[in-house]
Amino acid sequence: MDHFALRDGVLHAEDVPLPAIADAVGTPVYVYSRATLERHARVFREAVAGLGEGEPLVAFAVKANPNLAVLKVLAREGLGADVVSGGELARALAAEMPPEKIVFSGVGKTRAELEQGLDAGIFQFNLESEEEGVELAGIARARGIEARCALRINPDVDAGTHDKISTGKADNKFGVPIGEAEGIFARLSALGGLRLRGIALHIGSQLGELEPLETAFAKVGKLLESLRAAGHDMRHVDLGGGLGVPYKDGERFPSPAEYGAMVARATAGWGVRLVFEPGRVIAGNAGVMLTRVIRKKQGVRDPFLVVDAAMNDLARPALYGAYHHFVAVEPRGAQETANIVGPICETGDTFAMGRECDALEAGELAVFRTAGAYGATMASSYNSRGFVAEVLVDGDKFAVVADRIAAGAIMDAERVPEWLA
């Protein structure tokens, strides 16, 4: 469910007609619904309530949508943060997400980022390699402290998702092979400087079935038993995220409630506090990208709808062949088959070919639905187009929560050396 709906023939975000945002802010622009973010956060939190020992930690995957206003909304709903860089950690803290609710994941944490996490007093580092653990242990020993951490394991489970967002197969870069976890746990635990207290995993994103997750969790349960038998004090298991959301009409994905029921079954008797890292399932349907048709160009078979949004604004179709539902803001009832493309000088700047969609003409507005996750966060300034703006709607009001950064402002940050002047 989301809060984007037609009223009197005009698509609204909550109580705000989208043409009003286009007139005030211009296009392209991302539009987020506060009510949708809050609802999704509550539904997920309720689905996992009571699982494990103590209160579960729901840590929003900041990479999905790092906008400060979005993070602030989620922080007020009690969510923490799963971060994968020092920049994301800084954003989570700026949005007043408590350090004790922040998990630092990521395969390539630098020494500076490890120190940043220690300085902040975060809940936990998810170690992605033995080498990272050795480095963190040395930093912590030099400070006379223990770094709270878990070892991320790779369970070698195919999540059944796109290859570029699969993270739990043996040849993926994330975590340590599950068969080597016991030896790594023993060696790291002997170093000093680490409070190695749990296991973490995440097998992929946009999962459409629960079976791969349940298979991975069964492997974790067996590893947990073995580690306890070896004398390790296991207190936490981070189950990652990955729940998918529908991008096409008629698609169905497991609900948070169904996911919670599976987790309850799979983790019964573990005796640990559980950590969850939802991202897309919280933010995906909470945002759209609003765009305007520049012109309609005749094609060999179907017309090209050339819109002012491009692959630099919404990269998922170019990167993954991803689908985003495309609808008119003021539909007339007529349909057409068209190629939806952006203005960038790349054939890859194509959102859809031969798509049946609302009939549109030059100057009319449309939206790409389900764009609240992995949208603006992946934007670039390719073709010197500048960065897309972002807006948050709250009832009948809206505010710009990320300015449009014009190409000229980006150019102002560049320098020509004197010897080229």
Protein backbone atom coordinates (compact mmCIF):
# COMPACT_ATOMS: atom_id res chain seq x y z
CA MET A 1 0.00 0.00 0.00
CA ASP A 2 1.14 3.54 -0.72
CA HIS A 3 -0.31 7.04 -0.62
CA PHE A 4 -0.12 7.89 -4.34
CA ALA A 5 -3.60 7.88 -5.88
CA LEU A 6 -5.80 9.57 -8.47
CA ARG A 7 -8.19 12.23 -7.22
CA ASP A 8 -10.51 13.95 -9.68
CA GLY A 9 -8.34 12.63 -12.50
CA VAL A 10 -5.04 13.92 -11.08
CA LEU A 11 -2.37 11.81 -9.38
CA HIS A 12 -1.70 12.97 -5.82
CA ALA A 13 1.00 12.27 -3.27
CA GLU A 14 -1.10 12.12 -0.09
CA ASP A 15 -3.11 15.37 -0.36
CA VAL A 16 -0.78 17.17 -2.76
CA PRO A 17 -1.47 17.14 -6.53
CA LEU A 18 1.75 16.25 -8.34
CA PRO A 19 1.41 19.10 -10.88
CA ALA A 20 1.77 21.52 -7.95
CA ILE A 21 5.16 19.98 -7.11
CA ALA A 22 6.25 20.09 -10.76
CA ASP A 23 5.29 23.75 -10.99
CA ALA A 24 7.12 24.67 -7.79
CA VAL A 25 10.23 22.50 -8.05
CA GLY A 26 10.54 21.51 -11.70
CA THR A 27 11.20 18.09 -13.13
CA PRO A 28 12.59 15.51 -12.85
CA VAL A 29 12.07 15.25 -9.11
CA TYR A 30 11.70 12.43 -6.59
CA VAL A 31 8.60 12.66 -4.42
CA TYR A 32 8.38 10.72 -1.13
CA SER A 33 5.33 10.14 1.05
CA ARG A 34 5.87 10.44 4.79
CA ALA A 35 2.68 8.50 5.53
CA THR A 36 3.87 5.59 3.39
CA LEU A 37 7.31 5.50 5.02
CA GLU A 38 5.71 5.49 8.47
CA ARG A 39 3.20 2.80 7.59
CA HIS A 40 5.83 0.49 6.09
CA ALA A 41 8.14 0.96 9.08
CA ARG A 42 5.32 0.11 11.50
CA VAL A 43 4.18 -2.93 9.53
CA PHE A 44 7.69 -4.36 9.45
CA ARG A 45 8.36 -3.58 13.09
CA GLU A 46 5.10 -5.25 14.13
CA ALA A 47 5.88 -8.30 11.97
CA VAL A 48 9.11 -9.04 13.87
CA ALA A 49 8.02 -7.90 17.32
CA GLY A 50 8.60 -10.52 20.00
CA LEU A 51 11.04 -12.57 17.93
CA GLY A 52 14.28 -13.64 19.60
CA GLU A 53 15.57 -12.46 22.97
CA GLY A 54 14.77 -8.89 23.92
CA GLU A 55 13.59 -6.29 21.45
CA PRO A 56 14.65 -6.94 17.84
CA LEU A 57 16.76 -4.25 16.20
CA VAL A 58 15.26 -3.06 12.91
CA ALA A 59 18.11 -1.25 11.14
CA PHE A 60 17.04 0.46 7.90
CA ALA A 61 19.47 -0.15 5.02
CA VAL A 62 20.58 3.42 4.47
CA LYS A 63 21.91 2.66 0.98
CA ALA A 64 18.29 2.24 -0.17
CA ASN A 65 17.48 5.89 0.54
CA PRO A 66 19.96 8.03 2.50
CA ASN A 67 18.01 11.30 2.35
CA LEU A 68 18.24 12.97 5.76
CA ALA A 69 14.52 13.73 5.93
CA VAL A 70 13.64 10.13 5.08
CA LEU A 71 16.04 8.87 7.76
CA LYS A 72 14.56 11.32 10.26
CA VAL A 73 11.06 9.97 9.61
CA LEU A 74 12.28 6.41 10.13
CA ALA A 75 14.27 7.32 13.24
CA ARG A 76 11.06 8.68 14.78
CA GLU A 77 9.45 5.32 14.03
CA GLY A 78 12.13 3.64 16.15
CA LEU A 79 14.30 2.30 13.33
CA GLY A 80 18.07 2.18 13.48
CA ALA A 81 20.47 2.06 10.56
CA ASP A 82 22.47 -0.47 8.58
CA VAL A 83 25.34 1.52 7.06
CA VAL A 84 28.06 0.52 4.60
CA SER A 85 30.29 3.61 4.57
CA GLY A 86 31.49 6.41 6.78
CA GLY A 87 29.25 8.79 4.86
CA GLU A 88 26.18 6.70 5.61
CA LEU A 89 27.19 6.51 9.27
CA ALA A 90 27.45 10.30 9.39
CA ARG A 91 24.01 10.60 7.79
CA ALA A 92 22.42 8.19 10.26
CA LEU A 93 23.86 10.11 13.18
CA ALA A 94 22.79 13.45 11.67
CA ALA A 95 19.24 12.08 11.42
CA GLU A 96 19.45 11.28 15.17
CA MET A 97 19.49 7.52 14.77
CA PRO A 98 21.05 6.38 18.07
CA PRO A 99 24.55 4.84 17.81
CA GLU A 100 23.30 1.84 19.77
CA LYS A 101 20.95 1.15 16.82
CA ILE A 102 23.58 1.35 14.07
CA VAL A 103 25.17 -1.67 12.40
CA PHE A 104 28.21 -1.13 10.15
CA SER A 105 28.31 -3.62 7.27
CA GLY A 106 30.30 -3.56 4.03
CA VAL A 107 33.20 -5.52 2.59
CA GLY A 108 35.63 -2.62 2.22
CA LYS A 109 35.63 -0.61 5.44
CA THR A 110 38.77 1.52 5.61
CA ARG A 111 40.81 2.07 8.76
CA ALA A 112 39.33 5.56 9.01
CA GLU A 113 35.81 4.13 8.82
CA LEU A 114 36.55 1.51 11.48
CA GLU A 115 37.82 4.31 13.74
CA GLN A 116 34.75 6.40 12.91
CA GLY A 117 32.48 3.56 14.02
CA LEU A 118 34.42 3.12 17.26
CA ASP A 119 34.31 6.85 17.93
CA ALA A 120 30.54 6.84 17.46
CA GLY A 121 30.01 3.86 19.77
CA ILE A 122 27.91 1.91 17.28
CA PHE A 123 25.96 -1.24 18.15
CA GLN A 124 28.03 -3.59 16.01
CA PHE A 125 30.49 -4.04 13.16
CA ASN A 126 29.61 -6.85 10.78
CA LEU A 127 33.05 -8.22 9.89
CA GLU A 128 33.26 -9.35 6.28
CA SER A 129 36.69 -11.02 6.44
CA GLU A 130 39.27 -12.33 8.86
CA GLU A 131 41.62 -9.59 7.68
CA GLU A 132 39.12 -6.90 8.63
CA GLY A 133 38.75 -8.47 12.07
CA VAL A 134 42.52 -8.48 12.62
CA GLU A 135 42.72 -4.79 11.70
CA LEU A 136 39.77 -3.81 13.90
CA ALA A 137 41.20 -5.80 16.82
CA GLY A 138 44.48 -3.93 16.56
CA ILE A 139 42.77 -0.55 16.53
CA ALA A 140 40.60 -1.47 19.52
CA ARG A 141 43.53 -2.89 21.55
CA ALA A 142 45.48 0.32 20.99
CA ARG A 143 42.54 2.20 22.50
CA GLY A 144 42.17 -0.24 25.38
CA ILE A 145 38.62 -1.18 24.38
CA GLU A 146 36.71 -4.03 22.79
CA ALA A 147 34.92 -3.54 19.47
CA ARG A 148 31.46 -5.09 19.38
CA CYS A 149 31.16 -7.21 16.25
CA ALA A 150 29.62 -10.16 14.45
CA LEU A 151 31.09 -12.31 11.71
CA ARG A 152 29.23 -12.15 8.42
CA ILE A 153 29.03 -15.57 6.85
CA ASN A 154 28.31 -16.49 3.25
CA PRO A 155 25.92 -19.47 3.36
CA ASP A 156 26.23 -20.27 -0.37
CA VAL A 157 22.50 -19.97 -0.98
CA ASP A 158 21.15 -18.70 -4.29
CA ALA A 159 18.53 -16.06 -3.49
CA GLY A 160 16.96 -16.45 -6.93
CA THR A 161 17.31 -12.75 -7.67
CA HIS A 162 19.28 -10.72 -10.23
CA ASP A 163 22.98 -11.64 -10.35
CA LYS A 164 24.02 -8.07 -9.58
CA ILE A 165 22.06 -7.96 -6.32
CA SER A 166 22.80 -11.50 -5.15
CA THR A 167 25.11 -11.54 -2.12
CA GLY A 168 24.90 -15.01 -0.61
CA LYS A 169 26.44 -17.32 -3.21
CA ALA A 170 29.93 -18.78 -2.81
CA ASP A 171 31.41 -16.60 -5.56
CA ASN A 172 29.95 -13.33 -4.21
CA LYS A 173 32.37 -10.98 -2.47
CA PHE A 174 30.46 -10.71 0.80
CA GLY A 175 31.18 -12.47 4.08
CA VAL A 176 33.33 -15.53 4.81
CA PRO A 177 32.56 -19.06 3.59
CA ILE A 178 30.34 -20.74 6.15
CA GLY A 179 32.64 -23.76 6.24
CA GLU A 180 35.51 -21.56 7.42
CA ALA A 181 33.53 -19.59 9.98
CA GLU A 182 34.41 -21.71 13.04
CA GLY A 183 38.15 -21.44 12.45
CA ILE A 184 37.96 -17.70 11.79
CA PHE A 185 35.81 -17.21 14.90
CA ALA A 186 38.39 -19.05 17.02
CA ARG A 187 41.37 -17.11 15.66
CA LEU A 188 39.70 -13.70 15.95
CA SER A 189 38.40 -14.43 19.45
CA ALA A 190 41.96 -15.16 20.60
CA LEU A 191 43.31 -11.79 19.46
CA GLY A 192 41.81 -9.54 22.12
CA GLY A 193 40.19 -6.22 21.24
CA LEU A 194 37.04 -7.82 19.83
CA ARG A 195 33.78 -8.69 21.51
CA LEU A 196 32.81 -11.21 18.88
CA ARG A 197 29.27 -12.02 19.87
CA GLY A 198 27.28 -13.12 16.85
CA ILE A 199 26.74 -14.01 13.22
CA ALA A 200 25.44 -11.92 10.35
CA LEU A 201 24.25 -12.77 6.85
CA HIS A 202 22.43 -11.21 3.90
CA ILE A 203 21.84 -13.28 0.78
CA GLY A 204 20.45 -10.72 -1.66
CA SER A 205 17.91 -8.08 -2.52
CA GLN A 206 14.40 -8.12 -4.08
CA LEU A 207 13.69 -11.66 -2.90
CA GLY A 208 10.40 -13.03 -4.16
CA GLU A 209 10.36 -16.26 -2.15
CA LEU A 210 11.05 -17.08 1.49
CA GLU A 211 12.56 -20.53 0.88
CA PRO A 212 16.11 -19.31 0.16
CA LEU A 213 16.08 -17.30 3.37
CA GLU A 214 14.79 -20.24 5.41
CA THR A 215 17.49 -22.46 3.90
CA ALA A 216 20.17 -19.93 4.84
CA PHE A 217 18.77 -19.52 8.36
CA ALA A 218 18.86 -23.30 8.88
CA LYS A 219 22.58 -23.23 8.09
CA VAL A 220 23.04 -20.37 10.55
CA GLY A 221 21.25 -22.33 13.26
CA LYS A 222 23.65 -25.24 12.90
CA LEU A 223 26.66 -22.90 12.94
CA LEU A 224 25.29 -21.21 16.05
CA GLU A 225 25.15 -24.58 17.84
CA SER A 226 28.71 -25.42 16.81
CA LEU A 227 30.09 -22.08 17.95
CA ARG A 228 28.36 -22.38 21.32
CA ALA A 229 29.71 -25.91 21.71
CA ALA A 230 33.19 -24.47 21.12
CA GLY A 231 32.66 -22.09 24.04
CA HIS A 232 31.73 -18.88 22.22
CA ASP A 233 29.15 -16.59 23.84
CA MET A 234 26.63 -16.04 21.04
CA ARG A 235 24.24 -13.18 21.74
CA HIS A 236 23.18 -11.73 18.36
CA VAL A 237 22.26 -12.87 14.85
CA ASP A 238 21.80 -10.33 12.07
CA LEU A 239 19.44 -11.85 9.48
CA GLY A 240 19.94 -9.10 6.91
CA GLY A 241 17.19 -7.81 4.66
CA GLY A 242 16.19 -8.50 1.09
CA LEU A 243 12.38 -8.68 1.02
CA GLY A 244 11.15 -7.67 -2.42
CA VAL A 245 8.39 -5.29 -3.46
CA PRO A 246 6.10 -5.38 -6.52
CA TYR A 247 7.15 -3.19 -9.43
CA LYS A 248 4.57 -4.55 -11.89
CA ASP A 249 0.82 -4.80 -11.55
CA GLY A 250 -0.18 -8.25 -10.32
CA GLU A 251 3.18 -9.15 -8.80
CA ARG A 252 3.05 -10.66 -5.34
CA PHE A 253 5.86 -10.81 -2.80
CA PRO A 254 5.94 -12.21 0.74
CA SER A 255 4.49 -9.77 3.23
CA PRO A 256 6.39 -8.70 6.35
CA ALA A 257 3.89 -10.77 8.37
CA GLU A 258 4.67 -13.89 6.31
CA TYR A 259 8.36 -13.17 6.68
CA GLY A 260 8.00 -12.75 10.45
CA ALA A 261 6.19 -16.08 10.73
CA MET A 262 9.00 -17.80 8.82
CA VAL A 263 11.65 -16.18 11.02
CA ALA A 264 9.81 -17.31 14.15
CA ARG A 265 9.81 -20.86 12.86
CA ALA A 266 13.42 -20.85 11.62
CA THR A 267 14.97 -19.23 14.71
CA ALA A 268 13.03 -21.01 17.46
CA GLY A 269 15.35 -21.88 20.32
CA TRP A 270 18.28 -19.80 19.13
CA GLY A 271 18.29 -17.66 22.28
CA VAL A 272 19.73 -14.56 20.60
CA ARG A 273 18.70 -10.99 19.90
CA LEU A 274 17.76 -10.66 16.23
CA VAL A 275 18.76 -7.84 13.90
CA PHE A 276 16.96 -7.03 10.64
CA GLU A 277 18.11 -4.79 7.77
CA PRO A 278 15.05 -3.89 5.64
CA GLY A 279 15.55 -1.30 2.93
CA ARG A 280 13.52 -1.57 -0.26
CA VAL A 281 10.48 -2.99 1.56
CA ILE A 282 10.36 0.21 3.65
CA ALA A 283 11.19 2.86 1.05
CA GLY A 284 10.45 1.39 -2.40
CA ASN A 285 6.75 2.12 -2.71
CA ALA A 286 7.10 5.33 -0.70
CA GLY A 287 8.49 7.28 -3.64
CA VAL A 288 7.92 8.13 -7.29
CA MET A 289 10.02 10.02 -9.80
CA LEU A 290 8.03 12.78 -11.46
CA THR A 291 9.02 13.63 -15.04
CA ARG A 292 7.75 15.64 -18.01
CA VAL A 293 7.56 14.55 -21.65
CA ILE A 294 9.94 16.67 -23.72
CA ARG A 295 8.65 15.49 -27.06
CA LYS A 296 7.08 12.60 -28.88
CA LYS A 297 9.31 11.25 -31.63
CA GLN A 298 8.10 8.95 -34.36
CA GLY A 299 9.81 5.56 -34.34
CA VAL A 300 10.00 2.77 -36.91
CA ARG A 301 7.39 0.74 -35.04
CA ASP A 302 6.39 2.64 -31.90
CA PRO A 303 6.75 6.30 -30.95
CA PHE A 304 9.48 7.42 -28.57
CA LEU A 305 8.33 9.31 -25.48
CA VAL A 306 11.41 11.39 -24.66
CA VAL A 307 11.14 12.43 -21.00
CA ASP A 308 13.32 14.84 -19.03
CA ALA A 309 14.34 12.13 -16.54
CA ALA A 310 17.30 10.01 -17.55
CA MET A 311 19.53 7.11 -16.52
CA ASN A 312 21.60 9.51 -14.41
CA ASP A 313 18.45 10.21 -12.34
CA LEU A 314 17.10 6.63 -12.19
CA ALA A 315 19.81 4.10 -12.99
CA ARG A 316 18.03 0.80 -12.23
CA PRO A 317 16.62 0.15 -15.72
CA ALA A 318 20.01 0.74 -17.35
CA LEU A 319 21.92 -1.24 -14.69
CA TYR A 320 19.61 -4.20 -14.17
CA GLY A 321 16.99 -4.02 -16.89
CA ALA A 322 14.65 -3.13 -14.02
CA TYR A 323 10.96 -2.40 -14.54
CA HIS A 324 9.24 0.72 -13.19
CA HIS A 325 5.54 1.23 -13.84
CA PHE A 326 5.08 4.40 -15.91
CA VAL A 327 1.79 6.27 -15.64
CA ALA A 328 0.40 9.67 -16.59
CA VAL A 329 -0.24 12.19 -13.84
CA GLU A 330 -3.47 13.25 -15.58
CA PRO A 331 -4.50 10.18 -17.60
CA ARG A 332 -7.04 10.67 -20.38
CA GLY A 333 -8.08 7.02 -20.49
CA ALA A 334 -6.35 6.33 -23.80
CA GLN A 335 -3.47 3.86 -24.04
CA GLU A 336 -0.61 3.54 -26.50
CA THR A 337 2.47 1.41 -27.07
CA ALA A 338 5.62 3.49 -26.81
CA ASN A 339 9.35 3.46 -26.15
CA ILE A 340 10.11 5.49 -23.01
CA VAL A 341 13.57 7.04 -23.16
CA GLY A 342 15.64 9.81 -21.63
CA PRO A 343 17.82 12.48 -23.27
CA ILE A 344 21.25 11.05 -22.39
CA CYS A 345 23.55 10.13 -25.27
CA GLU A 346 23.47 6.38 -24.55
CA THR A 347 21.20 3.70 -25.95
CA GLY A 348 21.16 2.41 -22.39
CA ASP A 349 19.17 5.49 -21.41
CA THR A 350 15.99 3.54 -22.07
CA PHE A 351 13.31 2.95 -19.46
CA ALA A 352 11.11 0.70 -21.59
CA MET A 353 10.68 -0.49 -25.17
CA GLY A 354 7.32 -1.39 -26.62
CA ARG A 355 5.57 -0.62 -23.33
CA GLU A 356 1.80 -0.28 -23.21
CA CYS A 357 1.20 2.87 -21.18
CA ASP A 358 -1.01 5.91 -20.81
CA ALA A 359 -1.10 8.04 -23.96
CA LEU A 360 1.02 11.14 -23.48
CA GLU A 361 2.02 14.21 -25.46
CA ALA A 362 4.82 16.75 -25.16
CA GLY A 363 4.58 18.82 -21.97
CA GLU A 364 2.51 16.31 -20.01
CA LEU A 365 3.60 14.84 -16.68
CA ALA A 366 4.17 11.20 -15.78
CA VAL A 367 5.71 9.22 -12.95
CA PHE A 368 7.92 6.19 -12.57
CA ARG A 369 6.38 4.30 -9.66
CA THR A 370 8.18 2.42 -6.85
CA ALA A 371 11.20 4.72 -7.02
CA GLY A 372 11.72 5.42 -3.32
CA ALA A 373 14.57 2.90 -3.01
CA TYR A 374 17.75 2.84 -5.08
CA GLY A 375 16.62 5.91 -7.00
CA ALA A 376 18.10 9.28 -6.10
CA THR A 377 20.82 7.57 -4.07
CA MET A 378 22.28 6.10 -7.30
CA ALA A 379 22.04 9.35 -9.30
CA SER A 380 25.00 10.87 -11.12
CA SER A 381 25.82 13.97 -13.14
CA TYR A 382 26.53 12.10 -16.39
CA ASN A 383 26.24 14.29 -19.50
CA SER A 384 26.70 17.26 -17.10
CA ARG A 385 23.03 17.10 -16.21
CA GLY A 386 23.30 17.92 -12.53
CA PHE A 387 21.65 16.08 -9.64
CA VAL A 388 17.92 15.48 -9.29
CA ALA A 389 15.88 17.19 -6.56
CA GLU A 390 13.93 15.37 -3.84
CA VAL A 391 10.66 16.35 -2.12
CA LEU A 392 8.91 14.98 0.98
CA VAL A 393 5.12 15.21 1.24
CA ASP A 394 3.33 15.29 4.59
CA GLY A 395 -0.43 15.47 4.23
CA ASP A 396 -1.29 18.65 2.32
CA LYS A 397 2.19 20.16 2.48
CA PHE A 398 5.52 19.41 0.87
CA ALA A 399 9.11 20.53 1.15
CA VAL A 400 12.26 20.21 -0.92
CA VAL A 401 14.50 17.86 1.07
CA ALA A 402 17.37 17.75 -1.43
CA ASP A 403 18.12 20.67 -3.71
CA ARG A 404 18.54 20.25 -7.42
CA ILE A 405 22.30 20.64 -7.92
CA ALA A 406 22.78 22.33 -11.27
CA ALA A 407 25.57 21.46 -13.65
CA GLY A 408 27.10 24.89 -13.05
CA ALA A 409 27.41 24.24 -9.31
CA ILE A 410 29.24 20.99 -10.02
CA MET A 411 31.53 22.79 -12.46
CA ASP A 412 32.29 25.41 -9.78
CA ALA A 413 33.94 22.65 -7.74
CA GLU A 414 36.39 21.92 -10.56
CA ARG A 415 39.73 23.66 -11.07
CA VAL A 416 41.92 24.37 -14.08
CA PRO A 417 45.59 24.43 -13.01
CA GLU A 418 47.60 27.57 -13.66
CA TRP A 419 49.79 25.80 -16.18
CA LEU A 420 46.73 25.28 -18.39
CA ALA A 421 45.44 28.82 -18.04
